[in-house]
Amino acid sequence: MSLEITAWEEHNDTTDKHRYRVQVRAKKLGDIRPMFKTGWEVVGEGFSPRNKEHILIFSREFDNRKQWEAFAKSLDVIVKEIKKSGKERVFNVRKAKKAQKGG
């Protein structure tokens, strides 16, 4: 399973909730959908003919940042979060490498 996940937070001054957008790239749609079943809304989709990859963008609100981090850490793939400053935070590097090795 080869997934590439990039996420960012959408800031909204009208609510205290944290809305995240997650862009997922994969060769097979079947690899993507099981991870984003509950509570996620598909807000965009595309296909890269060059890489033959499907691209889906999901959106979901979390009550707080800790809930988002728990979700990101629950996945077995690397998740890159892009902060509003442009810096990246990466989740699951060790877990993803272990899953690739089959351990």
PDB file of N, CA and C in Angstrom:
ATOM      1  N   MET A   1       0.856  -1.182   0.000  1.00  0.00           N
ATOM      2  CA  MET A   1       0.000   0.000   0.000  1.00  0.00           C
ATOM      3  C   MET A   1       0.893   1.232   0.000  1.00  0.00           C
ATOM      4  N   SER A   2       0.758   2.034  -1.022  1.00  0.00           N
ATOM      5  CA  SER A   2       1.570   3.240  -1.135  1.00  0.00           C
ATOM      6  C   SER A   2       0.662   4.467  -1.058  1.00  0.00           C
ATOM      7  N   LEU A   3       0.651   5.092   0.102  1.00  0.00           N
ATOM      8  CA  LEU A   3      -0.177   6.280   0.316  1.00  0.00           C
ATOM      9  C   LEU A   3       0.704   7.473   0.640  1.00  0.00           C
ATOM     10  N   GLU A   4       0.282   8.624   0.183  1.00  0.00           N
ATOM     11  CA  GLU A   4       0.939   9.878   0.533  1.00  0.00           C
ATOM     12  C   GLU A   4      -0.142  10.788   1.119  1.00  0.00           C
ATOM     13  N   ILE A   5       0.034  11.174   2.387  1.00  0.00           N
ATOM     14  CA  ILE A   5      -0.987  11.963   3.073  1.00  0.00           C
ATOM     15  C   ILE A   5      -0.402  13.297   3.516  1.00  0.00           C
ATOM     16  N   THR A   6      -1.069  14.374   3.102  1.00  0.00           N
ATOM     17  CA  THR A   6      -0.692  15.728   3.503  1.00  0.00           C
ATOM     18  C   THR A   6      -1.931  16.389   4.099  1.00  0.00           C
ATOM     19  N   ALA A   7      -1.758  17.059   5.246  1.00  0.00           N
ATOM     20  CA  ALA A   7      -2.902  17.657   5.939  1.00  0.00           C
ATOM     21  C   ALA A   7      -2.605  19.105   6.302  1.00  0.00           C
ATOM     22  N   TRP A   8      -3.667  19.873   6.475  1.00  0.00           N
ATOM     23  CA  TRP A   8      -3.540  21.244   6.946  1.00  0.00           C
ATOM     24  C   TRP A   8      -4.810  21.635   7.676  1.00  0.00           C
ATOM     25  N   GLU A   9      -4.680  22.586   8.587  1.00  0.00           N
ATOM     26  CA  GLU A   9      -5.836  23.048   9.351  1.00  0.00           C
ATOM     27  C   GLU A   9      -6.425  24.274   8.672  1.00  0.00           C
ATOM     28  N   GLU A  10      -7.747  24.299   8.566  1.00  0.00           N
ATOM     29  CA  GLU A  10      -8.456  25.469   8.067  1.00  0.00           C
ATOM     30  C   GLU A  10      -8.864  26.305   9.266  1.00  0.00           C
ATOM     31  N   HIS A  11      -8.418  27.526   9.315  1.00  0.00           N
ATOM     32  CA  HIS A  11      -8.736  28.375  10.465  1.00  0.00           C
ATOM     33  C   HIS A  11     -10.062  29.093  10.237  1.00  0.00           C
ATOM     34  N   ASN A  12     -10.880  29.110  11.294  1.00  0.00           N
ATOM     35  CA  ASN A  12     -12.194  29.735  11.224  1.00  0.00           C
ATOM     36  C   ASN A  12     -12.436  30.460  12.545  1.00  0.00           C
ATOM     37  N   ASP A  13     -12.640  31.758  12.483  1.00  0.00           N
ATOM     38  CA  ASP A  13     -12.814  32.556  13.695  1.00  0.00           C
ATOM     39  C   ASP A  13     -14.202  32.399  14.317  1.00  0.00           C
ATOM     40  N   THR A  14     -15.142  31.785  13.602  1.00  0.00           N
ATOM     41  CA  THR A  14     -16.510  31.695  14.115  1.00  0.00           C
ATOM     42  C   THR A  14     -16.744  30.480  15.005  1.00  0.00           C
ATOM     43  N   THR A  15     -15.767  29.566  15.093  1.00  0.00           N
ATOM     44  CA  THR A  15     -15.943  28.360  15.903  1.00  0.00           C
ATOM     45  C   THR A  15     -14.632  27.992  16.591  1.00  0.00           C
ATOM     46  N   ASP A  16     -14.753  27.304  17.705  1.00  0.00           N
ATOM     47  CA  ASP A  16     -13.573  26.843  18.433  1.00  0.00           C
ATOM     48  C   ASP A  16     -13.088  25.481  17.927  1.00  0.00           C
ATOM     49  N   LYS A  17     -13.860  24.870  17.043  1.00  0.00           N
ATOM     50  CA  LYS A  17     -13.483  23.551  16.519  1.00  0.00           C
ATOM     51  C   LYS A  17     -12.327  23.695  15.532  1.00  0.00           C
ATOM     52  N   HIS A  18     -11.659  22.589  15.309  1.00  0.00           N
ATOM     53  CA  HIS A  18     -10.510  22.559  14.398  1.00  0.00           C
ATOM     54  C   HIS A  18     -10.885  21.740  13.170  1.00  0.00           C
ATOM     55  N   ARG A  19     -10.958  22.396  12.008  1.00  0.00           N
ATOM     56  CA  ARG A  19     -11.286  21.690  10.765  1.00  0.00           C
ATOM     57  C   ARG A  19      -9.991  21.407  10.020  1.00  0.00           C
ATOM     58  N   TYR A  20      -9.831  20.129   9.679  1.00  0.00           N
ATOM     59  CA  TYR A  20      -8.648  19.706   8.935  1.00  0.00           C
ATOM     60  C   TYR A  20      -9.029  19.229   7.551  1.00  0.00           C
ATOM     61  N   ARG A  21      -8.172  19.540   6.590  1.00  0.00           N
ATOM     62  CA  ARG A  21      -8.278  19.008   5.234  1.00  0.00           C
ATOM     63  C   ARG A  21      -7.116  18.041   5.067  1.00  0.00           C
ATOM     64  N   VAL A  22      -7.392  16.918   4.455  1.00  0.00           N
ATOM     65  CA  VAL A  22      -6.385  15.886   4.267  1.00  0.00           C
ATOM     66  C   VAL A  22      -6.389  15.487   2.797  1.00  0.00           C
ATOM     67  N   GLN A  23      -5.230  15.628   2.150  1.00  0.00           N
ATOM     68  CA  GLN A  23      -5.082  15.205   0.759  1.00  0.00           C
ATOM     69  C   GLN A  23      -4.373  13.859   0.740  1.00  0.00           C
ATOM     70  N   VAL A  24      -4.994  12.897   0.064  1.00  0.00           N
ATOM     71  CA  VAL A  24      -4.447  11.537   0.014  1.00  0.00           C
ATOM     72  C   VAL A  24      -4.217  11.160  -1.450  1.00  0.00           C
ATOM     73  N   ARG A  25      -3.014  10.657  -1.710  1.00  0.00           N
ATOM     74  CA  ARG A  25      -2.664  10.182  -3.057  1.00  0.00           C
ATOM     75  C   ARG A  25      -2.370   8.693  -2.972  1.00  0.00           C
ATOM     76  N   ALA A  26      -2.956   7.909  -3.878  1.00  0.00           N
ATOM     77  CA  ALA A  26      -2.724   6.458  -3.888  1.00  0.00           C
ATOM     78  C   ALA A  26      -2.997   5.901  -5.273  1.00  0.00           C
ATOM     79  N   LYS A  27      -2.383   4.755  -5.553  1.00  0.00           N
ATOM     80  CA  LYS A  27      -2.606   4.084  -6.843  1.00  0.00           C
ATOM     81  C   LYS A  27      -4.007   3.474  -6.910  1.00  0.00           C
ATOM     82  N   LYS A  28      -4.495   2.979  -5.748  1.00  0.00           N
ATOM     83  CA  LYS A  28      -5.814   2.328  -5.717  1.00  0.00           C
ATOM     84  C   LYS A  28      -6.730   3.039  -4.725  1.00  0.00           C
ATOM     85  N   LEU A  29      -7.945   3.338  -5.158  1.00  0.00           N
ATOM     86  CA  LEU A  29      -8.925   3.976  -4.268  1.00  0.00           C
ATOM     87  C   LEU A  29      -9.245   3.098  -3.067  1.00  0.00           C
ATOM     88  N   GLY A  30      -9.184   1.791  -3.234  1.00  0.00           N
ATOM     89  CA  GLY A  30      -9.476   0.867  -2.150  1.00  0.00           C
ATOM     90  C   GLY A  30      -8.520   1.007  -0.972  1.00  0.00           C
ATOM     91  N   ASP A  31      -7.326   1.544  -1.225  1.00  0.00           N
ATOM     92  CA  ASP A  31      -6.369   1.776  -0.141  1.00  0.00           C
ATOM     93  C   ASP A  31      -6.752   2.987   0.697  1.00  0.00           C
ATOM     94  N   ILE A  32      -7.486   3.916   0.115  1.00  0.00           N
ATOM     95  CA  ILE A  32      -7.806   5.189   0.779  1.00  0.00           C
ATOM     96  C   ILE A  32      -9.081   5.095   1.610  1.00  0.00           C
ATOM     97  N   ARG A  33     -10.134   4.645   1.014  1.00  0.00           N
ATOM     98  CA  ARG A  33     -11.474   4.748   1.613  1.00  0.00           C
ATOM     99  C   ARG A  33     -11.624   4.157   3.015  1.00  0.00           C
ATOM    100  N   PRO A  34     -11.042   2.987   3.322  1.00  0.00           N
ATOM    101  CA  PRO A  34     -11.242   2.437   4.675  1.00  0.00           C
ATOM    102  C   PRO A  34     -10.721   3.345   5.797  1.00  0.00           C
ATOM    103  N   MET A  35      -9.694   4.111   5.540  1.00  0.00           N
ATOM    104  CA  MET A  35      -9.113   4.984   6.573  1.00  0.00           C
ATOM    105  C   MET A  35      -9.982   6.189   6.894  1.00  0.00           C
ATOM    106  N   PHE A  36     -10.785   6.599   5.927  1.00  0.00           N
ATOM    107  CA  PHE A  36     -11.542   7.841   6.068  1.00  0.00           C
ATOM    108  C   PHE A  36     -13.044   7.595   5.976  1.00  0.00           C
ATOM    109  N   LYS A  37     -13.510   6.528   6.611  1.00  0.00           N
ATOM    110  CA  LYS A  37     -14.935   6.190   6.583  1.00  0.00           C
ATOM    111  C   LYS A  37     -15.750   7.102   7.492  1.00  0.00           C
ATOM    112  N   THR A  38     -15.442   7.096   8.766  1.00  0.00           N
ATOM    113  CA  THR A  38     -16.294   7.723   9.765  1.00  0.00           C
ATOM    114  C   THR A  38     -15.988   9.201   9.955  1.00  0.00           C
ATOM    115  N   GLY A  39     -16.988  10.041   9.706  1.00  0.00           N
ATOM    116  CA  GLY A  39     -16.878  11.457  10.007  1.00  0.00           C
ATOM    117  C   GLY A  39     -16.180  12.303   8.960  1.00  0.00           C
ATOM    118  N   TRP A  40     -15.629  11.705   7.936  1.00  0.00           N
ATOM    119  CA  TRP A  40     -14.911  12.456   6.908  1.00  0.00           C
ATOM    120  C   TRP A  40     -15.811  12.711   5.702  1.00  0.00           C
ATOM    121  N   GLU A  41     -15.662  13.888   5.131  1.00  0.00           N
ATOM    122  CA  GLU A  41     -16.430  14.270   3.942  1.00  0.00           C
ATOM    123  C   GLU A  41     -15.449  14.469   2.787  1.00  0.00           C
ATOM    124  N   VAL A  42     -15.742  13.883   1.626  1.00  0.00           N
ATOM    125  CA  VAL A  42     -14.915  14.102   0.441  1.00  0.00           C
ATOM    126  C   VAL A  42     -15.265  15.476  -0.112  1.00  0.00           C
ATOM    127  N   VAL A  43     -14.260  16.362  -0.195  1.00  0.00           N
ATOM    128  CA  VAL A  43     -14.514  17.717  -0.676  1.00  0.00           C
ATOM    129  C   VAL A  43     -13.799  18.006  -1.993  1.00  0.00           C
ATOM    130  N   GLY A  44     -13.011  17.050  -2.454  1.00  0.00           N
ATOM    131  CA  GLY A  44     -12.321  17.214  -3.726  1.00  0.00           C
ATOM    132  C   GLY A  44     -11.723  15.895  -4.174  1.00  0.00           C
ATOM    133  N   GLU A  45     -11.598  15.750  -5.499  1.00  0.00           N
ATOM    134  CA  GLU A  45     -10.981  14.541  -6.012  1.00  0.00           C
ATOM    135  C   GLU A  45     -10.353  14.817  -7.365  1.00  0.00           C
ATOM    136  N   GLY A  46      -9.384  13.989  -7.695  1.00  0.00           N
ATOM    137  CA  GLY A  46      -8.694  14.156  -8.968  1.00  0.00           C
ATOM    138  C   GLY A  46      -7.900  12.916  -9.304  1.00  0.00           C
ATOM    139  N   PHE A  47      -7.175  13.000 -10.435  1.00  0.00           N
ATOM    140  CA  PHE A  47      -6.352  11.891 -10.886  1.00  0.00           C
ATOM    141  C   PHE A  47      -5.129  12.466 -11.570  1.00  0.00           C
ATOM    142  N   SER A  48      -3.973  11.916 -11.270  1.00  0.00           N
ATOM    143  CA  SER A  48      -2.728  12.329 -11.905  1.00  0.00           C
ATOM    144  C   SER A  48      -2.375  11.329 -12.998  1.00  0.00           C
ATOM    145  N   PRO A  49      -2.529  11.711 -14.270  1.00  0.00           N
ATOM    146  CA  PRO A  49      -2.218  10.768 -15.344  1.00  0.00           C
ATOM    147  C   PRO A  49      -0.724  10.434 -15.407  1.00  0.00           C
ATOM    148  N   ARG A  50       0.110  11.352 -14.994  1.00  0.00           N
ATOM    149  CA  ARG A  50       1.552  11.127 -15.024  1.00  0.00           C
ATOM    150  C   ARG A  50       1.947  10.004 -14.055  1.00  0.00           C
ATOM    151  N   ASN A  51       1.438  10.091 -12.804  1.00  0.00           N
ATOM    152  CA  ASN A  51       1.791   9.111 -11.775  1.00  0.00           C
ATOM    153  C   ASN A  51       0.776   7.980 -11.658  1.00  0.00           C
ATOM    154  N   LYS A  52      -0.334   8.096 -12.387  1.00  0.00           N
ATOM    155  CA  LYS A  52      -1.441   7.132 -12.299  1.00  0.00           C
ATOM    156  C   LYS A  52      -1.936   6.999 -10.858  1.00  0.00           C
ATOM    157  N   GLU A  53      -2.084   8.147 -10.185  1.00  0.00           N
ATOM    158  CA  GLU A  53      -2.525   8.172  -8.793  1.00  0.00           C
ATOM    159  C   GLU A  53      -3.879   8.861  -8.668  1.00  0.00           C
ATOM    160  N   HIS A  54      -4.706   8.314  -7.786  1.00  0.00           N
ATOM    161  CA  HIS A  54      -5.963   8.949  -7.419  1.00  0.00           C
ATOM    162  C   HIS A  54      -5.659   9.951  -6.310  1.00  0.00           C
ATOM    163  N   ILE A  55      -6.351  11.076  -6.325  1.00  0.00           N
ATOM    164  CA  ILE A  55      -6.174  12.110  -5.305  1.00  0.00           C
ATOM    165  C   ILE A  55      -7.543  12.430  -4.719  1.00  0.00           C
ATOM    166  N   LEU A  56      -7.657  12.287  -3.402  1.00  0.00           N
ATOM    167  CA  LEU A  56      -8.899  12.637  -2.717  1.00  0.00           C
ATOM    168  C   LEU A  56      -8.576  13.636  -1.620  1.00  0.00           C
ATOM    169  N   ILE A  57      -9.460  14.606  -1.435  1.00  0.00           N
ATOM    170  CA  ILE A  57      -9.325  15.569  -0.345  1.00  0.00           C
ATOM    171  C   ILE A  57     -10.528  15.392   0.578  1.00  0.00           C
ATOM    172  N   PHE A  58     -10.227  15.150   1.845  1.00  0.00           N
ATOM    173  CA  PHE A  58     -11.248  14.939   2.869  1.00  0.00           C
ATOM    174  C   PHE A  58     -11.248  16.109   3.836  1.00  0.00           C
ATOM    175  N   SER A  59     -12.382  16.324   4.491  1.00  0.00           N
ATOM    176  CA  SER A  59     -12.511  17.386   5.488  1.00  0.00           C
ATOM    177  C   SER A  59     -13.249  16.839   6.702  1.00  0.00           C
ATOM    178  N   ARG A  60     -12.823  17.293   7.891  1.00  0.00           N
ATOM    179  CA  ARG A  60     -13.480  16.868   9.126  1.00  0.00           C
ATOM    180  C   ARG A  60     -13.173  17.865  10.234  1.00  0.00           C
ATOM    181  N   GLU A  61     -14.163  18.053  11.126  1.00  0.00           N
ATOM    182  CA  GLU A  61     -13.971  18.906  12.301  1.00  0.00           C
ATOM    183  C   GLU A  61     -13.613  18.051  13.508  1.00  0.00           C
ATOM    184  N   PHE A  62     -12.662  18.560  14.294  1.00  0.00           N
ATOM    185  CA  PHE A  62     -12.283  17.940  15.557  1.00  0.00           C
ATOM    186  C   PHE A  62     -12.544  18.941  16.663  1.00  0.00           C
ATOM    187  N   ASP A  63     -12.912  18.465  17.838  1.00  0.00           N
ATOM    188  CA  ASP A  63     -13.180  19.358  18.967  1.00  0.00           C
ATOM    189  C   ASP A  63     -11.919  20.076  19.431  1.00  0.00           C
ATOM    190  N   ASN A  64     -10.788  19.405  19.321  1.00  0.00           N
ATOM    191  CA  ASN A  64      -9.527  20.024  19.729  1.00  0.00           C
ATOM    192  C   ASN A  64      -8.377  19.414  18.934  1.00  0.00           C
ATOM    193  N   ARG A  65      -7.233  20.027  19.054  1.00  0.00           N
ATOM    194  CA  ARG A  65      -6.058  19.593  18.304  1.00  0.00           C
ATOM    195  C   ARG A  65      -5.603  18.186  18.707  1.00  0.00           C
ATOM    196  N   LYS A  66      -5.779  17.830  19.966  1.00  0.00           N
ATOM    197  CA  LYS A  66      -5.367  16.504  20.455  1.00  0.00           C
ATOM    198  C   LYS A  66      -6.129  15.389  19.725  1.00  0.00           C
ATOM    199  N   GLN A  67      -7.403  15.624  19.410  1.00  0.00           N
ATOM    200  CA  GLN A  67      -8.187  14.623  18.675  1.00  0.00           C
ATOM    201  C   GLN A  67      -7.602  14.411  17.278  1.00  0.00           C
ATOM    202  N   TRP A  68      -7.228  15.516  16.637  1.00  0.00           N
ATOM    203  CA  TRP A  68      -6.599  15.410  15.311  1.00  0.00           C
ATOM    204  C   TRP A  68      -5.300  14.617  15.402  1.00  0.00           C
ATOM    205  N   GLU A  69      -4.462  14.939  16.376  1.00  0.00           N
ATOM    206  CA  GLU A  69      -3.179  14.252  16.523  1.00  0.00           C
ATOM    207  C   GLU A  69      -3.386  12.761  16.788  1.00  0.00           C
ATOM    208  N   ALA A  70      -4.382  12.417  17.596  1.00  0.00           N
ATOM    209  CA  ALA A  70      -4.679  11.011  17.873  1.00  0.00           C
ATOM    210  C   ALA A  70      -5.078  10.285  16.588  1.00  0.00           C
ATOM    211  N   PHE A  71      -5.887  10.944  15.758  1.00  0.00           N
ATOM    212  CA  PHE A  71      -6.279  10.329  14.485  1.00  0.00           C
ATOM    213  C   PHE A  71      -5.053  10.133  13.594  1.00  0.00           C
ATOM    214  N   ALA A  72      -4.244  11.172  13.446  1.00  0.00           N
ATOM    215  CA  ALA A  72      -3.064  11.096  12.575  1.00  0.00           C
ATOM    216  C   ALA A  72      -2.125   9.982  13.042  1.00  0.00           C
ATOM    217  N   LYS A  73      -1.950   9.860  14.353  1.00  0.00           N
ATOM    218  CA  LYS A  73      -1.058   8.836  14.899  1.00  0.00           C
ATOM    219  C   LYS A  73      -1.647   7.431  14.795  1.00  0.00           C
ATOM    220  N   SER A  74      -2.963   7.321  14.608  1.00  0.00           N
ATOM    221  CA  SER A  74      -3.596   6.009  14.508  1.00  0.00           C
ATOM    222  C   SER A  74      -3.365   5.357  13.147  1.00  0.00           C
ATOM    223  N   LEU A  75      -2.938   6.130  12.157  1.00  0.00           N
ATOM    224  CA  LEU A  75      -2.717   5.588  10.819  1.00  0.00           C
ATOM    225  C   LEU A  75      -1.357   4.895  10.738  1.00  0.00           C
ATOM    226  N   ASP A  76      -1.233   3.931   9.837  1.00  0.00           N
ATOM    227  CA  ASP A  76       0.028   3.203   9.649  1.00  0.00           C
ATOM    228  C   ASP A  76       0.859   3.767   8.501  1.00  0.00           C
ATOM    229  N   VAL A  77       0.630   5.017   8.169  1.00  0.00           N
ATOM    230  CA  VAL A  77       1.393   5.671   7.098  1.00  0.00           C
ATOM    231  C   VAL A  77       1.903   7.019   7.603  1.00  0.00           C
ATOM    232  N   ILE A  78       2.860   7.564   6.876  1.00  0.00           N
ATOM    233  CA  ILE A  78       3.399   8.871   7.236  1.00  0.00           C
ATOM    234  C   ILE A  78       2.365   9.940   6.907  1.00  0.00           C
ATOM    235  N   VAL A  79       2.121  10.831   7.861  1.00  0.00           N
ATOM    236  CA  VAL A  79       1.194  11.947   7.675  1.00  0.00           C
ATOM    237  C   VAL A  79       1.990  13.231   7.839  1.00  0.00           C
ATOM    238  N   LYS A  80       1.986  14.064   6.793  1.00  0.00           N
ATOM    239  CA  LYS A  80       2.666  15.353   6.863  1.00  0.00           C
ATOM    240  C   LYS A  80       1.616  16.428   7.084  1.00  0.00           C
ATOM    241  N   GLU A  81       1.777  17.180   8.162  1.00  0.00           N
ATOM    242  CA  GLU A  81       0.880  18.304   8.429  1.00  0.00           C
ATOM    243  C   GLU A  81       1.635  19.584   8.122  1.00  0.00           C
ATOM    244  N   ILE A  82       1.035  20.440   7.316  1.00  0.00           N
ATOM    245  CA  ILE A  82       1.642  21.715   6.983  1.00  0.00           C
ATOM    246  C   ILE A  82       0.999  22.787   7.851  1.00  0.00           C
ATOM    247  N   LYS A  83       1.806  23.430   8.665  1.00  0.00           N
ATOM    248  CA  LYS A  83       1.328  24.481   9.569  1.00  0.00           C
ATOM    249  C   LYS A  83       1.102  25.764   8.781  1.00  0.00           C
ATOM    250  N   LYS A  84       0.373  26.706   9.376  1.00  0.00           N
ATOM    251  CA  LYS A  84       0.114  27.957   8.657  1.00  0.00           C
ATOM    252  C   LYS A  84       1.400  28.757   8.440  1.00  0.00           C
ATOM    253  N   SER A  85       2.440  28.471   9.225  1.00  0.00           N
ATOM    254  CA  SER A  85       3.737  29.131   9.045  1.00  0.00           C
ATOM    255  C   SER A  85       4.511  28.537   7.872  1.00  0.00           C
ATOM    256  N   GLY A  86       4.024  27.391   7.359  1.00  0.00           N
ATOM    257  CA  GLY A  86       4.698  26.711   6.258  1.00  0.00           C
ATOM    258  C   GLY A  86       5.580  25.561   6.719  1.00  0.00           C
ATOM    259  N   LYS A  87       5.790  25.455   8.018  1.00  0.00           N
ATOM    260  CA  LYS A  87       6.602  24.355   8.548  1.00  0.00           C
ATOM    261  C   LYS A  87       5.805  23.059   8.496  1.00  0.00           C
ATOM    262  N   GLU A  88       6.542  21.950   8.400  1.00  0.00           N
ATOM    263  CA  GLU A  88       5.902  20.634   8.362  1.00  0.00           C
ATOM    264  C   GLU A  88       6.078  19.905   9.680  1.00  0.00           C
ATOM    265  N   ARG A  89       5.061  19.174  10.065  1.00  0.00           N
ATOM    266  CA  ARG A  89       5.149  18.253  11.192  1.00  0.00           C
ATOM    267  C   ARG A  89       4.828  16.875  10.630  1.00  0.00           C
ATOM    268  N   VAL A  90       5.658  15.906  10.952  1.00  0.00           N
ATOM    269  CA  VAL A  90       5.496  14.571  10.392  1.00  0.00           C
ATOM    270  C   VAL A  90       5.136  13.592  11.504  1.00  0.00           C
ATOM    271  N   PHE A  91       4.078  12.813  11.264  1.00  0.00           N
ATOM    272  CA  PHE A  91       3.620  11.783  12.195  1.00  0.00           C
ATOM    273  C   PHE A  91       3.962  10.401  11.636  1.00  0.00           C
ATOM    274  N   ASN A  92       4.235   9.443  12.517  1.00  0.00           N
ATOM    275  CA  ASN A  92       4.283   8.007  12.199  1.00  0.00           C
ATOM    276  C   ASN A  92       5.476   7.536  11.371  1.00  0.00           C
ATOM    277  N   VAL A  93       6.604   8.196  11.431  1.00  0.00           N
ATOM    278  CA  VAL A  93       7.740   7.767  10.617  1.00  0.00           C
ATOM    279  C   VAL A  93       8.166   6.351  10.988  1.00  0.00           C
ATOM    280  N   ARG A  94       8.361   6.089  12.263  1.00  0.00           N
ATOM    281  CA  ARG A  94       8.801   4.747  12.698  1.00  0.00           C
ATOM    282  C   ARG A  94       7.733   3.685  12.426  1.00  0.00           C
ATOM    283  N   LYS A  95       6.483   4.025  12.736  1.00  0.00           N
ATOM    284  CA  LYS A  95       5.395   3.054  12.559  1.00  0.00           C
ATOM    285  C   LYS A  95       5.233   2.694  11.076  1.00  0.00           C
ATOM    286  N   ALA A  96       5.371   3.661  10.184  1.00  0.00           N
ATOM    287  CA  ALA A  96       5.221   3.412   8.752  1.00  0.00           C
ATOM    288  C   ALA A  96       6.351   2.522   8.237  1.00  0.00           C
ATOM    289  N   LYS A  97       7.565   2.764   8.704  1.00  0.00           N
ATOM    290  CA  LYS A  97       8.691   1.931   8.270  1.00  0.00           C
ATOM    291  C   LYS A  97       8.514   0.497   8.750  1.00  0.00           C
ATOM    292  N   LYS A  98       8.023   0.345   9.975  1.00  0.00           N
ATOM    293  CA  LYS A  98       7.789  -0.988  10.543  1.00  0.00           C
ATOM    294  C   LYS A  98       6.708  -1.716   9.745  1.00  0.00           C
ATOM    295  N   ALA A  99       5.645  -1.018   9.373  1.00  0.00           N
ATOM    296  CA  ALA A  99       4.549  -1.623   8.609  1.00  0.00           C
ATOM    297  C   ALA A  99       5.022  -2.044   7.219  1.00  0.00           C
ATOM    298  N   GLN A 100       5.911  -1.254   6.608  1.00  0.00           N
ATOM    299  CA  GLN A 100       6.438  -1.596   5.288  1.00  0.00           C
ATOM    300  C   GLN A 100       7.265  -2.873   5.335  1.00  0.00           C
ATOM    301  N   LYS A 101       8.015  -3.038   6.426  1.00  0.00           N
ATOM    302  CA  LYS A 101       8.851  -4.236   6.575  1.00  0.00           C
ATOM    303  C   LYS A 101       8.012  -5.463   6.912  1.00  0.00           C
ATOM    304  N   GLY A 102       6.763  -5.218   7.306  1.00  0.00           N
ATOM    305  CA  GLY A 102       5.874  -6.327   7.648  1.00  0.00           C
ATOM    306  C   GLY A 102       6.001  -6.776   9.084  1.00  0.00           C
ATOM    307  N   GLY A 103       6.562  -5.876   9.919  1.00  0.00           N
ATOM    308  CA  GLY A 103       6.781  -6.247  11.313  1.00  0.00           C
ATOM    309  C   GLY A 103       5.831  -5.601  12.202  1.00  0.00           C
TER     310      GLY A 103
END
